[in-house]
């Protein structure tokens, strides 16, 4: 999920689906955005260096989050948040929406009222053919994705994502 495309409503849906307090969504988003913006102007429910230095002993990041693990440094983002939803976030500026052709199952719950059977339909259908627009995914599921055309981005390449875990001792080197 590209964090820059999240609205408080969509973020609240994701939190509530994962049994996290949804009422805190706007405040948590303010804190995430304050962490990433270059200034020291605090959003209504956010936090900047004044808070971080006093409460935690380090300044605000004032830059894009480098890794999802860094989320726990942000006010309000707990280890429980990280365990349940931290891996779902994308902080790159390459896309500004959500791609239903590659989204993990859990990420679909940003959409209000989407049922698990609709999510499973999406997962099954995208194995057969990529979705190319909101109308196609709406037709396949009966869920009205036409309400979110500015949030959905359909990349239809046959991209495969691979998660690689490497463990090595210090005496050996390799290059990728």
Protein backbone atom coordinates (compact mmCIF):
# COMPACT_ATOMS: atom_id res chain seq x y z
CA UNK A 1 0.00 0.00 0.00
CA UNK A 2 1.49 3.30 -0.98
CA UNK A 3 1.28 5.40 2.18
CA UNK A 4 0.96 8.59 0.12
CA UNK A 5 -2.34 7.38 -1.32
CA UNK A 6 -3.92 6.59 2.04
CA UNK A 7 -6.72 8.71 3.40
CA UNK A 8 -7.70 8.54 7.08
CA UNK A 9 -10.83 6.57 6.08
CA UNK A 10 -8.87 3.95 4.11
CA UNK A 11 -6.22 3.69 6.83
CA UNK A 12 -8.93 3.31 9.50
CA UNK A 13 -10.43 0.39 7.54
CA UNK A 14 -7.04 -1.33 7.43
CA UNK A 15 -6.48 -0.82 11.16
CA UNK A 16 -9.93 -2.06 12.13
CA UNK A 17 -9.69 -5.17 9.93
CA UNK A 18 -6.44 -6.03 11.69
CA UNK A 19 -8.02 -5.47 15.13
CA UNK A 20 -6.12 -2.26 15.80
CA UNK A 21 -7.84 0.90 17.10
CA UNK A 22 -9.24 2.53 13.96
CA UNK A 23 -10.18 5.76 15.72
CA UNK A 24 -6.46 6.53 15.91
CA UNK A 25 -6.04 6.40 12.12
CA UNK A 26 -5.99 10.16 11.47
CA UNK A 27 -3.51 10.78 14.29
CA UNK A 28 -1.23 7.98 13.19
CA UNK A 29 -1.29 9.22 9.59
CA UNK A 30 -0.45 12.74 10.82
CA UNK A 31 2.54 11.31 12.70
CA UNK A 32 3.72 9.31 9.66
CA UNK A 33 3.42 12.37 7.40
CA UNK A 34 5.17 14.61 9.97
CA UNK A 35 8.00 12.07 10.20
CA UNK A 36 8.47 12.23 6.42
CA UNK A 37 8.03 15.92 5.69
CA UNK A 38 11.14 18.13 5.74
CA UNK A 39 9.73 20.81 8.04
CA UNK A 40 9.07 21.13 11.76
CA UNK A 41 5.43 22.19 11.41
CA UNK A 42 3.29 19.77 13.40
CA UNK A 43 0.00 18.51 11.96
CA UNK A 44 -3.03 18.56 14.33
CA UNK A 45 -2.36 15.05 15.68
CA UNK A 46 1.23 14.66 14.55
CA UNK A 47 4.67 14.96 16.08
CA UNK A 48 7.90 16.66 15.08
CA UNK A 49 11.40 16.84 16.57
CA UNK A 50 10.28 18.73 19.68
CA UNK A 51 8.18 15.69 20.71
CA UNK A 52 10.68 13.04 19.62
CA UNK A 53 13.68 14.67 21.32
CA UNK A 54 11.77 15.20 24.58
CA UNK A 55 9.95 11.84 24.70
CA UNK A 56 12.28 9.50 22.84
CA UNK A 57 15.70 11.08 22.65
CA UNK A 58 15.97 11.38 18.87
CA UNK A 59 14.77 13.91 16.26
CA UNK A 60 12.00 13.45 13.71
CA UNK A 61 13.12 11.68 10.56
CA UNK A 62 12.17 14.56 8.24
CA UNK A 63 12.61 12.23 5.26
CA UNK A 64 10.92 9.31 3.54
CA UNK A 65 10.89 6.16 5.64
CA UNK A 66 13.88 4.06 4.53
CA UNK A 67 12.51 0.72 5.65
CA UNK A 68 9.28 -0.55 7.11
CA UNK A 69 11.14 -1.45 10.31
CA UNK A 70 11.64 2.29 10.86
CA UNK A 71 7.88 2.67 11.39
CA UNK A 72 8.19 1.77 15.08
CA UNK A 73 10.18 4.97 15.61
CA UNK A 74 7.09 6.99 14.72
CA UNK A 75 4.78 8.19 17.50
CA UNK A 76 1.75 5.93 17.81
CA UNK A 77 3.09 3.15 15.59
CA UNK A 78 3.59 0.25 17.98
CA UNK A 79 5.28 -3.12 17.56
CA UNK A 80 1.77 -4.60 17.34
CA UNK A 81 1.00 -2.29 14.39
CA UNK A 82 4.26 -3.33 12.77
CA UNK A 83 3.61 -7.05 13.21
CA UNK A 84 0.11 -6.82 11.74
CA UNK A 85 0.39 -4.20 8.98
CA UNK A 86 3.95 -2.84 8.77
CA UNK A 87 4.98 -5.03 5.85
CA UNK A 88 2.05 -3.78 3.76
CA UNK A 89 3.41 -0.25 3.31
CA UNK A 90 5.33 1.08 0.33
CA UNK A 91 7.18 4.38 0.76
CA UNK A 92 8.52 4.73 -2.76
CA UNK A 93 7.43 7.61 -4.92
CA UNK A 94 7.17 5.38 -7.99
CA UNK A 95 3.43 4.82 -7.74
CA UNK A 96 0.77 6.83 -6.04
CA UNK A 97 -1.98 4.26 -5.75
CA UNK A 98 -2.84 0.66 -5.08
CA UNK A 99 -2.32 -2.09 -7.65
CA UNK A 100 -4.90 -4.86 -7.20
CA UNK A 101 -2.81 -7.09 -9.45
CA UNK A 102 -0.01 -7.24 -6.87
CA UNK A 103 -1.56 -6.20 -3.53
CA UNK A 104 -1.27 -8.71 -0.70
CA UNK A 105 -4.56 -10.16 0.51
CA UNK A 106 -4.55 -8.10 3.74
CA UNK A 107 -4.17 -4.82 1.85
CA UNK A 108 -7.60 -5.07 0.20
CA UNK A 109 -9.24 -4.36 3.53
CA UNK A 110 -8.50 -0.66 3.13
CA UNK A 111 -11.68 -0.56 1.04
CA UNK A 112 -14.78 -0.02 3.22
CA UNK A 113 -17.03 -3.03 3.61
CA UNK A 114 -15.15 -5.36 1.30
CA UNK A 115 -15.88 -8.95 2.27
CA UNK A 116 -13.36 -11.79 2.41
CA UNK A 117 -15.14 -13.66 -0.41
CA UNK A 118 -14.69 -10.62 -2.70
CA UNK A 119 -11.00 -10.44 -1.84
CA UNK A 120 -10.62 -14.14 -2.61
CA UNK A 121 -12.36 -13.62 -5.96
CA UNK A 122 -9.81 -10.94 -6.83
CA UNK A 123 -6.91 -13.17 -5.82
CA UNK A 124 -8.25 -16.06 -7.91
CA UNK A 125 -9.12 -13.99 -10.99
CA UNK A 126 -5.81 -12.14 -11.11
CA UNK A 127 -4.04 -15.49 -11.43
CA UNK A 128 -5.89 -15.98 -14.73
CA UNK A 129 -5.56 -12.45 -16.08
CA UNK A 130 -4.49 -9.02 -14.80
CA UNK A 131 -7.15 -6.44 -14.09
CA UNK A 132 -6.86 -3.38 -16.32
CA UNK A 133 -9.36 -1.01 -14.74
CA UNK A 134 -11.83 -0.36 -11.97
CA UNK A 135 -14.76 -1.51 -14.13
CA UNK A 136 -13.23 -4.96 -14.64
CA UNK A 137 -12.52 -5.57 -10.98
CA UNK A 138 -16.00 -4.26 -10.07
CA UNK A 139 -17.61 -6.62 -12.59
CA UNK A 140 -15.61 -9.59 -11.29
CA UNK A 141 -16.46 -8.98 -7.63
CA UNK A 142 -19.65 -6.95 -7.43
CA UNK A 143 -17.79 -4.54 -5.12
CA UNK A 144 -17.86 -0.99 -6.47
CA UNK A 145 -14.23 -0.07 -7.07
CA UNK A 146 -15.41 2.75 -9.35
CA UNK A 147 -15.53 4.90 -6.19
CA UNK A 148 -11.71 4.76 -6.04
CA UNK A 149 -10.44 5.33 -9.60
CA UNK A 150 -7.82 7.87 -8.48
CA UNK A 151 -6.46 5.38 -5.92
CA UNK A 152 -6.22 2.33 -8.17
CA UNK A 153 -3.32 1.88 -10.53
CA UNK A 154 -3.31 -1.13 -12.78
CA UNK A 155 0.09 -2.39 -13.80
CA UNK A 156 -0.44 -5.40 -15.98
CA UNK A 157 3.05 -6.71 -16.52
CA UNK A 158 3.72 -10.31 -15.61
CA UNK A 159 5.93 -9.35 -12.72
CA UNK A 160 6.96 -11.95 -10.22
CA UNK A 161 7.97 -10.85 -6.75
CA UNK A 162 10.41 -13.04 -4.90
CA UNK A 163 11.27 -12.76 -1.25
CA UNK A 164 14.85 -13.84 -0.64
CA UNK A 165 16.37 -14.44 2.74
CA UNK A 166 20.14 -14.77 2.86
CA UNK A 167 22.13 -15.91 5.83
CA UNK A 168 25.89 -15.98 5.62
CA UNK A 169 28.91 -15.86 7.81
CA UNK A 170 31.48 -13.08 7.58
CA UNK A 171 34.12 -15.14 5.82
CA UNK A 172 32.27 -15.47 2.52
CA UNK A 173 31.21 -12.81 0.07
CA UNK A 174 28.93 -12.89 -2.92
CA UNK A 175 27.44 -10.31 -5.26
CA UNK A 176 24.02 -10.09 -6.80
